[in-house]
């Protein structure tokens, strides 16, 4: 366990329940198809999944013949990843300080994890650093118009639903709470 308990440490059990074995609806029916499609290249043999959580995407890559290492700072999620994939390689670590040599991965994945990382610039620099020359950096992130509408999101105005977007250009932490989870995400405009 981390020296300081984080929001993800406290929310891990709720996350595991929400995701189940196969992930939530958006991952299964929207994002997986795109992420797996973009990872299909004959030269991709070694991948790193940064913010791997319970290891679901590593398992999907492995099923397609890609050796994947998962890294995450939340020990409970890593325990679950190891239990679900006993032959997998899941390590504790942070995106801002990856414990790998330069240029060792053909594919570096951030699947909805950059939104959780306060040090975006440091994390991106690290993802690029460990990516092999000619390799791919594959990122799925929440759209900035969505995070700009938090925490209110959809509101009713004069009987009509509106999605309120406020302070779009401001980089800021936002508290996200749903189905037993209580974490801090980060809003950043698309330019970031």
C-alpha atoms as a PDB file:
ATOM      1  CA  UNK A   1       0.000   0.000   0.000  1.00  0.00           C
ATOM      2  CA  UNK A   2       1.212   3.512  -0.729  1.00  0.00           C
ATOM      3  CA  UNK A   3       2.583   5.503   2.209  1.00  0.00           C
ATOM      4  CA  UNK A   4      -0.317   7.918   1.763  1.00  0.00           C
ATOM      5  CA  UNK A   5      -3.710   6.443   0.944  1.00  0.00           C
ATOM      6  CA  UNK A   6      -5.097   7.929  -2.268  1.00  0.00           C
ATOM      7  CA  UNK A   7      -8.609   8.343  -3.635  1.00  0.00           C
ATOM      8  CA  UNK A   8      -7.968   5.326  -5.861  1.00  0.00           C
ATOM      9  CA  UNK A   9      -6.909   3.215  -2.873  1.00  0.00           C
ATOM     10  CA  UNK A  10     -10.221   4.050  -1.177  1.00  0.00           C
ATOM     11  CA  UNK A  11     -12.224   3.577  -4.391  1.00  0.00           C
ATOM     12  CA  UNK A  12     -10.578   0.373  -5.655  1.00  0.00           C
ATOM     13  CA  UNK A  13     -13.279  -2.049  -4.484  1.00  0.00           C
ATOM     14  CA  UNK A  14     -16.063   0.065  -5.995  1.00  0.00           C
ATOM     15  CA  UNK A  15     -14.065   0.267  -9.250  1.00  0.00           C
ATOM     16  CA  UNK A  16     -13.614  -3.505  -9.378  1.00  0.00           C
ATOM     17  CA  UNK A  17     -17.323  -4.036  -8.823  1.00  0.00           C
ATOM     18  CA  UNK A  18     -18.224  -1.468 -11.500  1.00  0.00           C
ATOM     19  CA  UNK A  19     -15.840  -2.894 -14.099  1.00  0.00           C
ATOM     20  CA  UNK A  20     -16.416  -6.586 -13.455  1.00  0.00           C
ATOM     21  CA  UNK A  21     -14.304  -8.966 -15.504  1.00  0.00           C
ATOM     22  CA  UNK A  22     -14.872  -7.309 -18.884  1.00  0.00           C
ATOM     23  CA  UNK A  23     -15.100  -3.566 -18.226  1.00  0.00           C
ATOM     24  CA  UNK A  24     -17.963  -1.123 -18.374  1.00  0.00           C
ATOM     25  CA  UNK A  25     -20.271  -0.608 -21.349  1.00  0.00           C
ATOM     26  CA  UNK A  26     -18.224   2.214 -22.926  1.00  0.00           C
ATOM     27  CA  UNK A  27     -15.016   0.217 -22.806  1.00  0.00           C
ATOM     28  CA  UNK A  28     -16.561  -2.986 -24.161  1.00  0.00           C
ATOM     29  CA  UNK A  29     -18.707  -1.446 -26.885  1.00  0.00           C
ATOM     30  CA  UNK A  30     -16.891   1.729 -27.908  1.00  0.00           C
ATOM     31  CA  UNK A  31     -13.302   2.133 -26.769  1.00  0.00           C
ATOM     32  CA  UNK A  32     -11.917  -1.425 -26.885  1.00  0.00           C
ATOM     33  CA  UNK A  33     -12.608  -1.785 -30.589  1.00  0.00           C
ATOM     34  CA  UNK A  34     -10.748   1.446 -31.356  1.00  0.00           C
ATOM     35  CA  UNK A  35      -7.879   0.843 -28.934  1.00  0.00           C
ATOM     36  CA  UNK A  36      -7.320  -2.738 -30.082  1.00  0.00           C
ATOM     37  CA  UNK A  37      -7.610  -1.725 -33.728  1.00  0.00           C
ATOM     38  CA  UNK A  38      -4.900   0.877 -33.291  1.00  0.00           C
ATOM     39  CA  UNK A  39      -2.657  -1.597 -31.476  1.00  0.00           C
ATOM     40  CA  UNK A  40      -2.734  -4.112 -34.357  1.00  0.00           C
ATOM     41  CA  UNK A  41       0.542  -3.692 -36.152  1.00  0.00           C
ATOM     42  CA  UNK A  42       2.860  -6.541 -37.107  1.00  0.00           C
ATOM     43  CA  UNK A  43       5.810  -4.867 -35.363  1.00  0.00           C
ATOM     44  CA  UNK A  44       4.071  -4.506 -31.980  1.00  0.00           C
ATOM     45  CA  UNK A  45       5.464  -7.175 -29.662  1.00  0.00           C
ATOM     46  CA  UNK A  46       5.997  -5.384 -26.319  1.00  0.00           C
ATOM     47  CA  UNK A  47       3.491  -2.992 -24.794  1.00  0.00           C
ATOM     48  CA  UNK A  48       3.239  -0.956 -21.609  1.00  0.00           C
ATOM     49  CA  UNK A  49      -0.183  -0.123 -20.185  1.00  0.00           C
ATOM     50  CA  UNK A  50       0.228   2.931 -17.941  1.00  0.00           C
ATOM     51  CA  UNK A  51      -2.524   3.090 -15.338  1.00  0.00           C
ATOM     52  CA  UNK A  52      -3.486  -0.526 -16.024  1.00  0.00           C
ATOM     53  CA  UNK A  53      -5.831  -0.818 -13.048  1.00  0.00           C
ATOM     54  CA  UNK A  54      -7.085  -4.388 -12.785  1.00  0.00           C
ATOM     55  CA  UNK A  55      -5.177  -5.363 -15.955  1.00  0.00           C
ATOM     56  CA  UNK A  56      -8.126  -5.761 -18.306  1.00  0.00           C
ATOM     57  CA  UNK A  57      -6.482  -4.130 -21.340  1.00  0.00           C
ATOM     58  CA  UNK A  58      -3.211  -6.011 -20.750  1.00  0.00           C
ATOM     59  CA  UNK A  59      -5.221  -9.238 -20.915  1.00  0.00           C
ATOM     60  CA  UNK A  60      -6.842  -8.120 -24.174  1.00  0.00           C
ATOM     61  CA  UNK A  61      -3.425  -7.336 -25.662  1.00  0.00           C
ATOM     62  CA  UNK A  62      -2.033 -10.648 -24.448  1.00  0.00           C
ATOM     63  CA  UNK A  63      -4.913 -12.510 -26.136  1.00  0.00           C
ATOM     64  CA  UNK A  64      -3.743 -10.900 -29.397  1.00  0.00           C
ATOM     65  CA  UNK A  65      -0.145 -12.021 -28.962  1.00  0.00           C
ATOM     66  CA  UNK A  66       1.270  -8.792 -27.551  1.00  0.00           C
ATOM     67  CA  UNK A  67       3.331  -9.118 -24.366  1.00  0.00           C
ATOM     68  CA  UNK A  68       2.137  -6.332 -22.082  1.00  0.00           C
ATOM     69  CA  UNK A  69       3.407  -4.979 -18.797  1.00  0.00           C
ATOM     70  CA  UNK A  70       0.881  -3.135 -16.666  1.00  0.00           C
ATOM     71  CA  UNK A  71       1.877  -0.393 -14.264  1.00  0.00           C
ATOM     72  CA  UNK A  72      -0.362   1.299 -11.707  1.00  0.00           C
ATOM     73  CA  UNK A  73       0.098   3.061  -8.362  1.00  0.00           C
ATOM     74  CA  UNK A  74      -2.915   1.371  -6.703  1.00  0.00           C
ATOM     75  CA  UNK A  75      -1.857  -1.840  -4.994  1.00  0.00           C
ATOM     76  CA  UNK A  76      -5.379  -3.273  -4.646  1.00  0.00           C
ATOM     77  CA  UNK A  77      -5.958  -2.974  -8.391  1.00  0.00           C
ATOM     78  CA  UNK A  78      -2.581  -4.612  -9.066  1.00  0.00           C
ATOM     79  CA  UNK A  79      -3.490  -7.478  -6.724  1.00  0.00           C
ATOM     80  CA  UNK A  80      -6.631  -8.055  -8.767  1.00  0.00           C
ATOM     81  CA  UNK A  81      -4.701  -7.853 -12.055  1.00  0.00           C
ATOM     82  CA  UNK A  82      -2.272 -10.507 -10.800  1.00  0.00           C
ATOM     83  CA  UNK A  83      -5.126 -12.725  -9.601  1.00  0.00           C
ATOM     84  CA  UNK A  84      -6.904 -12.518 -12.965  1.00  0.00           C
ATOM     85  CA  UNK A  85      -3.700 -13.068 -14.967  1.00  0.00           C
ATOM     86  CA  UNK A  86      -1.255 -15.127 -12.905  1.00  0.00           C
ATOM     87  CA  UNK A  87       1.320 -15.178 -15.716  1.00  0.00           C
ATOM     88  CA  UNK A  88       0.991 -11.425 -16.336  1.00  0.00           C
ATOM     89  CA  UNK A  89       3.515  -8.746 -15.419  1.00  0.00           C
ATOM     90  CA  UNK A  90       1.923  -6.066 -13.232  1.00  0.00           C
ATOM     91  CA  UNK A  91       4.095  -3.560 -11.393  1.00  0.00           C
ATOM     92  CA  UNK A  92       3.641  -0.733  -8.966  1.00  0.00           C
ATOM     93  CA  UNK A  93       4.642   2.648 -10.337  1.00  0.00           C
ATOM     94  CA  UNK A  94       3.601   6.083 -11.461  1.00  0.00           C
ATOM     95  CA  UNK A  95       3.362   7.506 -14.971  1.00  0.00           C
ATOM     96  CA  UNK A  96       5.462  10.510 -13.974  1.00  0.00           C
ATOM     97  CA  UNK A  97       8.471   8.285 -13.143  1.00  0.00           C
ATOM     98  CA  UNK A  98       8.394   5.057 -15.168  1.00  0.00           C
ATOM     99  CA  UNK A  99      10.911   2.419 -14.000  1.00  0.00           C
ATOM    100  CA  UNK A 100      12.038   1.388 -17.493  1.00  0.00           C
ATOM    101  CA  UNK A 101      14.932   2.154 -19.814  1.00  0.00           C
ATOM    102  CA  UNK A 102      14.493   4.465 -22.790  1.00  0.00           C
ATOM    103  CA  UNK A 103      12.809   3.129 -25.923  1.00  0.00           C
ATOM    104  CA  UNK A 104      11.893  -0.384 -24.764  1.00  0.00           C
ATOM    105  CA  UNK A 105       8.216  -0.632 -25.785  1.00  0.00           C
ATOM    106  CA  UNK A 106       6.737  -0.859 -29.293  1.00  0.00           C
ATOM    107  CA  UNK A 107       3.429   0.378 -27.889  1.00  0.00           C
ATOM    108  CA  UNK A 108       2.747   2.574 -24.860  1.00  0.00           C
ATOM    109  CA  UNK A 109      -0.906   2.801 -23.821  1.00  0.00           C
ATOM    110  CA  UNK A 110      -2.734   5.257 -21.600  1.00  0.00           C
ATOM    111  CA  UNK A 111      -6.316   4.022 -21.565  1.00  0.00           C
ATOM    112  CA  UNK A 112      -8.347   6.641 -19.684  1.00  0.00           C
ATOM    113  CA  UNK A 113      -5.549   7.172 -17.176  1.00  0.00           C
ATOM    114  CA  UNK A 114      -4.121  10.622 -18.035  1.00  0.00           C
ATOM    115  CA  UNK A 115      -7.241  12.213 -16.577  1.00  0.00           C
ATOM    116  CA  UNK A 116      -6.174  10.821 -13.169  1.00  0.00           C
ATOM    117  CA  UNK A 117      -2.631  12.190 -13.318  1.00  0.00           C
ATOM    118  CA  UNK A 118      -1.821  15.624 -11.894  1.00  0.00           C
ATOM    119  CA  UNK A 119       1.618  15.784 -13.547  1.00  0.00           C
ATOM    120  CA  UNK A 120       0.494  15.571 -17.181  1.00  0.00           C
ATOM    121  CA  UNK A 121       3.659  17.035 -18.721  1.00  0.00           C
ATOM    122  CA  UNK A 122       5.930  14.715 -16.739  1.00  0.00           C
ATOM    123  CA  UNK A 123       3.752  11.701 -17.557  1.00  0.00           C
ATOM    124  CA  UNK A 124       3.688  12.420 -21.299  1.00  0.00           C
ATOM    125  CA  UNK A 125       7.467  12.907 -21.312  1.00  0.00           C
ATOM    126  CA  UNK A 126       7.876   9.523 -19.610  1.00  0.00           C
ATOM    127  CA  UNK A 127       5.485   7.749 -21.991  1.00  0.00           C
ATOM    128  CA  UNK A 128       7.423   9.133 -24.940  1.00  0.00           C
ATOM    129  CA  UNK A 129      10.787   8.289 -23.334  1.00  0.00           C
ATOM    130  CA  UNK A 130       9.996   4.558 -22.956  1.00  0.00           C
ATOM    131  CA  UNK A 131       8.455   4.268 -26.430  1.00  0.00           C
ATOM    132  CA  UNK A 132      10.819   2.736 -29.006  1.00  0.00           C
ATOM    133  CA  UNK A 133      11.801   4.741 -32.088  1.00  0.00           C
ATOM    134  CA  UNK A 134       9.014   4.155 -34.595  1.00  0.00           C
ATOM    135  CA  UNK A 135       6.759   2.852 -31.822  1.00  0.00           C
ATOM    136  CA  UNK A 136       3.282   4.109 -30.991  1.00  0.00           C
ATOM    137  CA  UNK A 137       1.821   6.076 -28.118  1.00  0.00           C
ATOM    138  CA  UNK A 138      -1.881   5.234 -27.848  1.00  0.00           C
ATOM    139  CA  UNK A 139      -4.043   7.454 -25.654  1.00  0.00           C
ATOM    140  CA  UNK A 140      -7.738   7.395 -24.856  1.00  0.00           C
ATOM    141  CA  UNK A 141      -8.846  10.281 -22.655  1.00  0.00           C
ATOM    142  CA  UNK A 142     -12.114  11.943 -21.728  1.00  0.00           C
ATOM    143  CA  UNK A 143     -13.045  14.788 -24.050  1.00  0.00           C
ATOM    144  CA  UNK A 144     -12.298  18.162 -22.513  1.00  0.00           C
ATOM    145  CA  UNK A 145     -15.791  19.477 -23.194  1.00  0.00           C
ATOM    146  CA  UNK A 146     -17.059  16.695 -20.921  1.00  0.00           C
ATOM    147  CA  UNK A 147     -14.695  17.460 -18.047  1.00  0.00           C
ATOM    148  CA  UNK A 148     -15.359  21.217 -18.397  1.00  0.00           C
ATOM    149  CA  UNK A 149     -18.978  20.518 -17.496  1.00  0.00           C
ATOM    150  CA  UNK A 150     -18.122  18.916 -14.181  1.00  0.00           C
ATOM    151  CA  UNK A 151     -19.242  18.720 -11.484  1.00  0.00           C
ATOM    152  CA  UNK A 152     -22.715  19.828 -12.630  1.00  0.00           C
ATOM    153  CA  UNK A 153     -22.867  18.138 -16.037  1.00  0.00           C
ATOM    154  CA  UNK A 154     -26.447  18.005 -17.306  1.00  0.00           C
ATOM    155  CA  UNK A 155     -28.741  20.554 -15.670  1.00  0.00           C
ATOM    156  CA  UNK A 156     -32.329  21.608 -16.314  1.00  0.00           C
ATOM    157  CA  UNK A 157     -32.883  25.195 -17.435  1.00  0.00           C
ATOM    158  CA  UNK A 158     -36.444  26.333 -18.146  1.00  0.00           C
ATOM    159  CA  UNK A 159     -37.526  22.689 -18.425  1.00  0.00           C
ATOM    160  CA  UNK A 160     -34.858  21.886 -21.016  1.00  0.00           C
ATOM    161  CA  UNK A 161     -31.716  19.838 -20.354  1.00  0.00           C
ATOM    162  CA  UNK A 162     -28.425  21.663 -20.910  1.00  0.00           C
ATOM    163  CA  UNK A 163     -24.858  20.492 -20.519  1.00  0.00           C
ATOM    164  CA  UNK A 164     -23.091  23.317 -18.774  1.00  0.00           C
ATOM    165  CA  UNK A 165     -19.500  24.005 -19.806  1.00  0.00           C
ATOM    166  CA  UNK A 166     -17.664  26.425 -17.587  1.00  0.00           C
ATOM    167  CA  UNK A 167     -14.048  27.587 -17.262  1.00  0.00           C
ATOM    168  CA  UNK A 168     -13.018  25.501 -20.255  1.00  0.00           C
ATOM    169  CA  UNK A 169      -9.508  26.967 -20.543  1.00  0.00           C
ATOM    170  CA  UNK A 170      -8.617  26.505 -16.871  1.00  0.00           C
ATOM    171  CA  UNK A 171      -6.538  23.473 -15.916  1.00  0.00           C
ATOM    172  CA  UNK A 172      -8.092  22.221 -12.680  1.00  0.00           C
ATOM    173  CA  UNK A 173      -8.779  19.170 -10.548  1.00  0.00           C
ATOM    174  CA  UNK A 174     -12.394  18.003 -10.449  1.00  0.00           C
ATOM    175  CA  UNK A 175     -13.955  15.585  -7.996  1.00  0.00           C
ATOM    176  CA  UNK A 176     -15.690  12.663  -9.690  1.00  0.00           C
ATOM    177  CA  UNK A 177     -18.143  10.636  -7.650  1.00  0.00           C
ATOM    178  CA  UNK A 178     -20.209   7.732  -8.929  1.00  0.00           C
ATOM    179  CA  UNK A 179     -21.269   4.258  -7.765  1.00  0.00           C
ATOM    180  CA  UNK A 180     -19.122   4.297  -4.625  1.00  0.00           C
ATOM    181  CA  UNK A 181     -16.067   5.878  -6.233  1.00  0.00           C
ATOM    182  CA  UNK A 182     -14.743   9.227  -5.114  1.00  0.00           C
ATOM    183  CA  UNK A 183     -11.641  10.315  -7.021  1.00  0.00           C
ATOM    184  CA  UNK A 184      -9.961  13.412  -8.386  1.00  0.00           C
ATOM    185  CA  UNK A 185      -9.749  13.787 -12.145  1.00  0.00           C
ATOM    186  CA  UNK A 186      -8.146  16.668 -14.018  1.00  0.00           C
ATOM    187  CA  UNK A 187      -9.806  18.925 -16.566  1.00  0.00           C
ATOM    188  CA  UNK A 188      -7.532  20.223 -19.291  1.00  0.00           C
ATOM    189  CA  UNK A 189      -8.553  21.989 -22.501  1.00  0.00           C
ATOM    190  CA  UNK A 190      -7.996  20.102 -25.770  1.00  0.00           C
ATOM    191  CA  UNK A 191      -4.887  22.200 -26.465  1.00  0.00           C
ATOM    192  CA  UNK A 192      -3.210  20.595 -23.449  1.00  0.00           C
END
